[in-house]
């Protein structure tokens, strides 16, 4: 299925481009004003796009000259009228200014999107990684 048949795939492509460009405005524009985000890192949840924007600014600022390449795999989508759901595996790979791989981690991601006019906006995002039973540490490699 391509982006013409499935607008959710375009949202994922826009997500990848915004993260690589470290464009706060482009990434935040993918989210609804009333978004609810269950992120893996440090905060239990973010409510509203202003709260999410603060996290994105902090993330991108922490990268310095590094960039992040995002790759989605095994993406499954369902679109019914004005509601879309996606679950996917996502790899975040940090690269230096010369494009050399520095580190990476894998997450599981679920998104719920709602169409508003001609645009699809993320109304809920949930990222996670499984926890190892023996060590109680997150597993960051699929």
N, C-alpha and C. Protein backbone atom coordinates (compact mmCIF):
# COMPACT_ATOMS: atom_id res chain seq x y z
N UNK A 1 0.85 -1.18 0.00
CA UNK A 1 0.00 0.00 0.00
C UNK A 1 0.89 1.24 0.00
N UNK A 2 0.53 2.23 -0.82
CA UNK A 2 1.35 3.44 -0.88
C UNK A 2 0.65 4.61 -0.21
N UNK A 3 1.35 5.75 -0.16
CA UNK A 3 0.83 6.92 0.54
C UNK A 3 -0.45 7.47 -0.07
N UNK A 4 -0.64 7.28 -1.37
CA UNK A 4 -1.88 7.76 -2.00
C UNK A 4 -3.08 6.98 -1.48
N UNK A 5 -2.88 5.71 -1.19
CA UNK A 5 -3.96 4.87 -0.67
C UNK A 5 -4.09 4.97 0.85
N UNK A 6 -3.03 5.38 1.51
CA UNK A 6 -3.01 5.37 2.96
C UNK A 6 -2.31 6.63 3.48
N UNK A 7 -3.08 7.64 3.86
CA UNK A 7 -2.48 8.91 4.29
C UNK A 7 -1.66 8.80 5.57
N UNK A 8 -1.85 7.74 6.34
CA UNK A 8 -1.09 7.56 7.57
C UNK A 8 0.40 7.37 7.24
N UNK A 9 0.68 6.71 6.12
CA UNK A 9 2.08 6.52 5.73
C UNK A 9 2.76 7.85 5.45
N UNK A 10 2.02 8.82 4.94
CA UNK A 10 2.60 10.15 4.72
C UNK A 10 2.93 10.81 6.05
N UNK A 11 2.09 10.63 7.05
CA UNK A 11 2.38 11.19 8.37
C UNK A 11 3.68 10.60 8.91
N UNK A 12 3.88 9.30 8.73
CA UNK A 12 5.12 8.67 9.19
C UNK A 12 6.34 9.21 8.43
N UNK A 13 6.20 9.41 7.13
CA UNK A 13 7.29 10.01 6.35
C UNK A 13 7.59 11.43 6.82
N UNK A 14 6.55 12.19 7.12
CA UNK A 14 6.74 13.55 7.61
C UNK A 14 7.41 13.54 8.98
N UNK A 15 7.08 12.56 9.80
CA UNK A 15 7.71 12.39 11.12
C UNK A 15 9.22 12.17 10.94
N UNK A 16 9.57 11.23 10.05
CA UNK A 16 10.99 10.93 9.80
C UNK A 16 11.74 12.18 9.33
N UNK A 17 11.16 12.92 8.40
CA UNK A 17 11.81 14.11 7.85
C UNK A 17 11.98 15.19 8.92
N UNK A 18 10.95 15.39 9.73
CA UNK A 18 11.02 16.42 10.78
C UNK A 18 12.08 16.09 11.82
N UNK A 19 12.16 14.82 12.21
CA UNK A 19 13.17 14.44 13.20
C UNK A 19 14.56 14.61 12.61
N UNK A 20 14.79 14.15 11.39
CA UNK A 20 16.11 14.29 10.79
C UNK A 20 16.52 15.75 10.67
N UNK A 21 15.57 16.62 10.32
CA UNK A 21 15.85 18.05 10.18
C UNK A 21 15.92 18.77 11.53
N UNK A 22 15.53 18.07 12.59
CA UNK A 22 15.42 18.67 13.92
C UNK A 22 14.51 19.90 13.87
N UNK A 23 13.42 19.76 13.14
CA UNK A 23 12.46 20.85 12.99
C UNK A 23 11.33 20.68 14.01
N UNK A 24 11.41 21.44 15.07
CA UNK A 24 10.39 21.38 16.12
C UNK A 24 9.02 21.68 15.52
N UNK A 25 8.93 22.74 14.73
CA UNK A 25 7.64 23.15 14.17
C UNK A 25 7.05 22.06 13.28
N UNK A 26 7.88 21.45 12.44
CA UNK A 26 7.37 20.41 11.53
C UNK A 26 6.90 19.18 12.29
N UNK A 27 7.65 18.78 13.33
CA UNK A 27 7.24 17.60 14.08
C UNK A 27 5.97 17.89 14.88
N UNK A 28 5.95 18.99 15.58
CA UNK A 28 4.79 19.33 16.41
C UNK A 28 3.54 19.54 15.57
N UNK A 29 3.69 19.98 14.33
CA UNK A 29 2.54 20.20 13.44
C UNK A 29 1.80 18.90 13.12
N UNK A 30 2.43 17.76 13.36
CA UNK A 30 1.78 16.48 13.10
C UNK A 30 0.80 16.09 14.19
N UNK A 31 0.82 16.82 15.30
CA UNK A 31 0.03 16.48 16.48
C UNK A 31 -1.16 17.42 16.65
N UNK A 32 -2.24 16.88 17.16
CA UNK A 32 -3.44 17.64 17.50
C UNK A 32 -3.17 18.52 18.73
N UNK A 33 -3.85 19.62 18.84
CA UNK A 33 -3.69 20.52 19.99
C UNK A 33 -3.93 19.79 21.32
N UNK A 34 -4.84 18.82 21.31
CA UNK A 34 -5.21 18.11 22.54
C UNK A 34 -4.55 16.73 22.65
N UNK A 35 -3.40 16.56 22.00
CA UNK A 35 -2.73 15.26 21.98
C UNK A 35 -2.43 14.76 23.39
N UNK A 36 -2.45 13.44 23.51
CA UNK A 36 -2.02 12.76 24.72
C UNK A 36 -0.89 11.82 24.32
N UNK A 37 0.28 11.99 24.95
CA UNK A 37 1.45 11.18 24.59
C UNK A 37 1.94 10.41 25.81
N UNK A 38 2.06 9.09 25.64
CA UNK A 38 2.69 8.23 26.64
C UNK A 38 4.07 7.89 26.10
N UNK A 39 5.05 8.72 26.45
CA UNK A 39 6.41 8.56 25.97
C UNK A 39 7.17 7.66 26.93
N UNK A 40 8.23 7.04 26.44
CA UNK A 40 9.02 6.13 27.28
C UNK A 40 9.91 6.84 28.28
N UNK A 41 10.27 8.07 28.03
CA UNK A 41 11.38 8.68 28.74
C UNK A 41 10.95 9.70 29.77
N UNK A 42 11.19 9.40 31.04
CA UNK A 42 11.22 10.37 32.12
C UNK A 42 9.91 10.95 32.62
N UNK A 43 8.92 11.09 31.78
CA UNK A 43 7.66 11.71 32.19
C UNK A 43 6.53 10.71 31.93
N UNK A 44 5.63 10.61 32.87
CA UNK A 44 4.54 9.63 32.76
C UNK A 44 3.68 9.87 31.53
N UNK A 45 3.32 11.14 31.27
CA UNK A 45 2.54 11.46 30.08
C UNK A 45 2.62 12.95 29.80
N UNK A 46 2.32 13.29 28.55
CA UNK A 46 2.23 14.68 28.11
C UNK A 46 0.80 14.91 27.65
N UNK A 47 0.22 16.01 28.09
CA UNK A 47 -1.14 16.35 27.70
C UNK A 47 -1.12 17.70 27.01
N UNK A 48 -1.54 17.71 25.76
CA UNK A 48 -1.59 18.94 24.99
C UNK A 48 -0.31 19.17 24.21
N UNK A 49 -0.45 19.84 23.09
CA UNK A 49 0.68 20.03 22.18
C UNK A 49 1.76 20.93 22.78
N UNK A 50 1.41 21.87 23.65
CA UNK A 50 2.42 22.74 24.25
C UNK A 50 3.38 21.93 25.13
N UNK A 51 2.84 21.02 25.89
CA UNK A 51 3.66 20.14 26.73
C UNK A 51 4.56 19.26 25.87
N UNK A 52 4.00 18.72 24.79
CA UNK A 52 4.78 17.88 23.89
C UNK A 52 5.87 18.68 23.18
N UNK A 53 5.56 19.91 22.82
CA UNK A 53 6.54 20.77 22.17
C UNK A 53 7.77 20.96 23.06
N UNK A 54 7.56 21.17 24.35
CA UNK A 54 8.68 21.34 25.27
C UNK A 54 9.60 20.12 25.24
N UNK A 55 9.03 18.92 25.21
CA UNK A 55 9.83 17.71 25.15
C UNK A 55 10.62 17.66 23.85
N UNK A 56 9.98 17.99 22.73
CA UNK A 56 10.65 17.95 21.42
C UNK A 56 11.81 18.94 21.40
N UNK A 57 11.62 20.14 21.92
CA UNK A 57 12.69 21.13 21.97
C UNK A 57 13.86 20.59 22.78
N UNK A 58 13.58 20.02 23.94
CA UNK A 58 14.63 19.46 24.79
C UNK A 58 15.38 18.34 24.07
N UNK A 59 14.64 17.45 23.41
CA UNK A 59 15.26 16.34 22.67
C UNK A 59 16.18 16.86 21.57
N UNK A 60 15.66 17.71 20.72
CA UNK A 60 16.47 18.20 19.60
C UNK A 60 17.67 19.01 20.09
N UNK A 61 17.49 19.83 21.12
CA UNK A 61 18.62 20.60 21.67
C UNK A 61 19.70 19.67 22.22
N UNK A 62 19.31 18.54 22.78
CA UNK A 62 20.28 17.61 23.37
C UNK A 62 21.17 16.95 22.32
N UNK A 63 20.76 17.00 21.07
CA UNK A 63 21.50 16.31 20.01
C UNK A 63 22.75 17.06 19.56
N UNK A 64 22.85 18.34 19.84
CA UNK A 64 24.00 19.10 19.36
C UNK A 64 24.08 19.01 17.84
N UNK A 65 25.23 18.57 17.32
CA UNK A 65 25.40 18.47 15.86
C UNK A 65 24.93 17.11 15.32
N UNK A 66 24.54 16.21 16.20
CA UNK A 66 24.06 14.91 15.74
C UNK A 66 22.69 15.04 15.09
N UNK A 67 22.37 14.05 14.27
CA UNK A 67 21.04 13.93 13.67
C UNK A 67 20.49 12.56 14.05
N UNK A 68 19.18 12.39 13.88
CA UNK A 68 18.55 11.11 14.15
C UNK A 68 17.82 10.64 12.90
N UNK A 69 18.16 9.44 12.49
CA UNK A 69 17.47 8.80 11.38
C UNK A 69 16.41 7.88 11.98
N UNK A 70 15.17 8.06 11.56
CA UNK A 70 14.06 7.24 12.03
C UNK A 70 13.69 6.24 10.95
N UNK A 71 13.49 5.00 11.36
CA UNK A 71 13.06 3.96 10.43
C UNK A 71 11.90 3.21 11.05
N UNK A 72 10.80 3.12 10.30
CA UNK A 72 9.63 2.36 10.74
C UNK A 72 9.63 1.01 10.02
N UNK A 73 9.24 -0.05 10.74
CA UNK A 73 9.17 -1.36 10.11
C UNK A 73 7.96 -2.13 10.64
N UNK A 74 7.52 -3.08 9.83
CA UNK A 74 6.34 -3.90 10.16
C UNK A 74 5.15 -3.03 10.53
N UNK A 75 4.97 -1.95 9.78
CA UNK A 75 3.90 -1.00 10.04
C UNK A 75 2.55 -1.56 9.63
N UNK A 76 1.61 -1.49 10.53
CA UNK A 76 0.24 -1.92 10.28
C UNK A 76 -0.69 -0.74 10.52
N UNK A 77 -1.60 -0.48 9.58
CA UNK A 77 -2.51 0.64 9.73
C UNK A 77 -3.94 0.20 9.50
N UNK A 78 -4.82 0.91 10.14
CA UNK A 78 -6.25 0.78 9.91
C UNK A 78 -6.82 2.18 9.82
N UNK A 79 -7.55 2.45 8.75
CA UNK A 79 -8.18 3.75 8.56
C UNK A 79 -9.66 3.51 8.32
N UNK A 80 -10.49 4.13 9.16
CA UNK A 80 -11.94 4.04 9.02
C UNK A 80 -12.49 5.46 9.12
N UNK A 81 -13.01 5.93 8.02
CA UNK A 81 -13.55 7.28 7.94
C UNK A 81 -12.51 8.30 8.39
N UNK A 82 -12.76 8.99 9.51
CA UNK A 82 -11.87 10.05 9.97
C UNK A 82 -10.95 9.62 11.12
N UNK A 83 -10.78 8.31 11.29
CA UNK A 83 -9.94 7.80 12.37
C UNK A 83 -8.93 6.81 11.81
N UNK A 84 -7.68 6.95 12.22
CA UNK A 84 -6.63 6.04 11.79
C UNK A 84 -5.85 5.53 12.98
N UNK A 85 -5.43 4.28 12.89
CA UNK A 85 -4.62 3.66 13.94
C UNK A 85 -3.43 3.02 13.26
N UNK A 86 -2.26 3.16 13.88
CA UNK A 86 -1.05 2.54 13.35
C UNK A 86 -0.28 1.93 14.52
N UNK A 87 0.29 0.76 14.27
CA UNK A 87 1.30 0.25 15.20
C UNK A 87 2.48 -0.19 14.36
N UNK A 88 3.67 0.08 14.91
CA UNK A 88 4.88 -0.11 14.14
C UNK A 88 6.06 -0.28 15.08
N UNK A 89 7.12 -0.82 14.55
CA UNK A 89 8.40 -0.81 15.26
C UNK A 89 9.19 0.37 14.71
N UNK A 90 9.87 1.07 15.58
CA UNK A 90 10.62 2.26 15.16
C UNK A 90 12.05 2.17 15.69
N UNK A 91 12.99 2.46 14.81
CA UNK A 91 14.40 2.53 15.18
C UNK A 91 14.83 3.98 15.09
N UNK A 92 15.46 4.45 16.15
CA UNK A 92 16.05 5.78 16.18
C UNK A 92 17.57 5.58 16.15
N UNK A 93 18.21 6.09 15.10
CA UNK A 93 19.66 5.93 14.95
C UNK A 93 20.33 7.30 14.91
N UNK A 94 21.19 7.55 15.89
CA UNK A 94 21.95 8.80 15.93
C UNK A 94 23.16 8.68 15.02
N UNK A 95 23.38 9.74 14.24
CA UNK A 95 24.55 9.81 13.36
C UNK A 95 25.25 11.14 13.60
N UNK A 96 26.56 11.14 13.39
CA UNK A 96 27.30 12.40 13.54
C UNK A 96 27.19 13.21 12.25
N UNK A 97 27.85 14.35 12.23
CA UNK A 97 27.76 15.26 11.07
C UNK A 97 28.25 14.62 9.78
N UNK A 98 29.11 13.62 9.90
CA UNK A 98 29.62 12.91 8.71
C UNK A 98 28.75 11.72 8.34
N UNK A 99 27.68 11.48 9.09
CA UNK A 99 26.78 10.37 8.79
C UNK A 99 27.19 9.04 9.39
N UNK A 100 28.18 9.06 10.29
CA UNK A 100 28.64 7.83 10.93
C UNK A 100 27.67 7.45 12.06
N UNK A 101 27.27 6.17 12.08
CA UNK A 101 26.37 5.68 13.12
C UNK A 101 27.03 5.80 14.49
N UNK A 102 26.29 6.34 15.45
CA UNK A 102 26.80 6.49 16.81
C UNK A 102 26.14 5.52 17.78
N UNK A 103 24.83 5.39 17.68
CA UNK A 103 24.06 4.51 18.57
C UNK A 103 22.65 4.40 18.00
N UNK A 104 21.92 3.42 18.49
CA UNK A 104 20.53 3.29 18.06
C UNK A 104 19.73 2.56 19.13
N UNK A 105 18.44 2.70 19.04
CA UNK A 105 17.53 1.95 19.90
C UNK A 105 16.24 1.71 19.15
N UNK A 106 15.56 0.66 19.56
CA UNK A 106 14.28 0.28 18.96
C UNK A 106 13.17 0.50 19.99
N UNK A 107 12.03 0.92 19.51
CA UNK A 107 10.82 1.09 20.33
C UNK A 107 9.65 0.46 19.60
N UNK A 108 8.60 0.27 20.35
CA UNK A 108 7.29 -0.05 19.76
C UNK A 108 6.48 1.24 19.82
N UNK A 109 5.71 1.51 18.77
CA UNK A 109 4.93 2.74 18.73
C UNK A 109 3.52 2.46 18.24
N UNK A 110 2.57 3.05 18.92
CA UNK A 110 1.17 3.04 18.48
C UNK A 110 0.70 4.48 18.38
N UNK A 111 -0.01 4.78 17.31
CA UNK A 111 -0.55 6.12 17.09
C UNK A 111 -2.03 6.02 16.78
N UNK A 112 -2.78 6.98 17.27
CA UNK A 112 -4.16 7.17 16.86
C UNK A 112 -4.21 8.55 16.21
N UNK A 113 -4.81 8.61 15.03
CA UNK A 113 -4.89 9.86 14.28
C UNK A 113 -6.34 10.17 13.93
N UNK A 114 -6.63 11.46 13.82
CA UNK A 114 -7.96 11.90 13.41
C UNK A 114 -7.80 12.89 12.27
N UNK A 115 -8.65 12.74 11.26
CA UNK A 115 -8.63 13.68 10.14
C UNK A 115 -9.34 14.96 10.55
N UNK A 116 -8.67 16.08 10.29
CA UNK A 116 -9.25 17.40 10.52
C UNK A 116 -9.12 18.15 9.22
N UNK A 117 -10.20 18.27 8.48
CA UNK A 117 -10.14 18.86 7.15
C UNK A 117 -9.37 17.93 6.25
N UNK A 118 -8.32 18.44 5.62
CA UNK A 118 -7.49 17.62 4.74
C UNK A 118 -6.29 17.00 5.44
N UNK A 119 -6.09 17.32 6.71
CA UNK A 119 -4.89 16.86 7.42
C UNK A 119 -5.22 15.77 8.43
N UNK A 120 -4.27 14.90 8.64
CA UNK A 120 -4.35 13.88 9.69
C UNK A 120 -3.47 14.33 10.84
N UNK A 121 -4.03 14.34 12.04
CA UNK A 121 -3.29 14.78 13.24
C UNK A 121 -3.23 13.63 14.24
N UNK A 122 -2.07 13.50 14.87
CA UNK A 122 -1.90 12.49 15.91
C UNK A 122 -2.60 12.97 17.17
N UNK A 123 -3.57 12.18 17.65
CA UNK A 123 -4.29 12.54 18.87
C UNK A 123 -3.78 11.73 20.07
N UNK A 124 -3.10 10.61 19.78
CA UNK A 124 -2.50 9.82 20.86
C UNK A 124 -1.27 9.09 20.33
N UNK A 125 -0.20 9.12 21.11
CA UNK A 125 1.01 8.38 20.79
C UNK A 125 1.43 7.60 22.03
N UNK A 126 1.85 6.36 21.80
CA UNK A 126 2.32 5.52 22.90
C UNK A 126 3.57 4.80 22.43
N UNK A 127 4.69 5.00 23.14
CA UNK A 127 5.91 4.26 22.82
C UNK A 127 6.29 3.40 24.00
N UNK A 128 6.91 2.25 23.70
CA UNK A 128 7.31 1.34 24.76
C UNK A 128 8.42 0.43 24.28
N UNK A 129 9.03 -0.24 25.23
CA UNK A 129 9.96 -1.33 24.99
C UNK A 129 9.65 -2.40 26.03
N UNK A 130 9.86 -3.65 25.68
CA UNK A 130 9.61 -4.69 26.67
C UNK A 130 10.64 -4.61 27.81
N UNK A 131 10.28 -5.16 28.94
CA UNK A 131 11.15 -5.19 30.12
C UNK A 131 11.63 -6.62 30.33
N UNK A 132 12.93 -6.78 30.48
CA UNK A 132 13.51 -8.10 30.76
C UNK A 132 13.08 -8.55 32.16
N UNK A 133 12.54 -9.76 32.27
CA UNK A 133 12.05 -10.25 33.55
C UNK A 133 13.16 -10.37 34.59
N UNK A 134 14.34 -10.81 34.19
CA UNK A 134 15.42 -11.06 35.14
C UNK A 134 16.09 -9.79 35.64
N UNK A 135 16.28 -8.82 34.73
CA UNK A 135 17.02 -7.61 35.10
C UNK A 135 16.12 -6.41 35.36
N UNK A 136 14.88 -6.49 34.95
CA UNK A 136 13.90 -5.39 34.96
C UNK A 136 14.41 -4.16 34.21
N UNK A 137 15.25 -4.39 33.20
CA UNK A 137 15.73 -3.31 32.35
C UNK A 137 15.03 -3.38 31.00
N UNK A 138 14.85 -2.20 30.41
CA UNK A 138 14.20 -2.13 29.10
C UNK A 138 15.09 -2.79 28.06
N UNK A 139 14.45 -3.44 27.11
CA UNK A 139 15.14 -4.07 25.98
C UNK A 139 15.03 -3.12 24.80
N UNK A 140 16.17 -2.57 24.37
CA UNK A 140 16.18 -1.55 23.33
C UNK A 140 16.57 -2.06 21.95
N UNK A 141 16.79 -3.34 21.83
CA UNK A 141 17.11 -3.93 20.52
C UNK A 141 16.10 -5.02 20.24
N UNK A 142 15.50 -4.93 19.08
CA UNK A 142 14.48 -5.88 18.69
C UNK A 142 15.11 -7.21 18.32
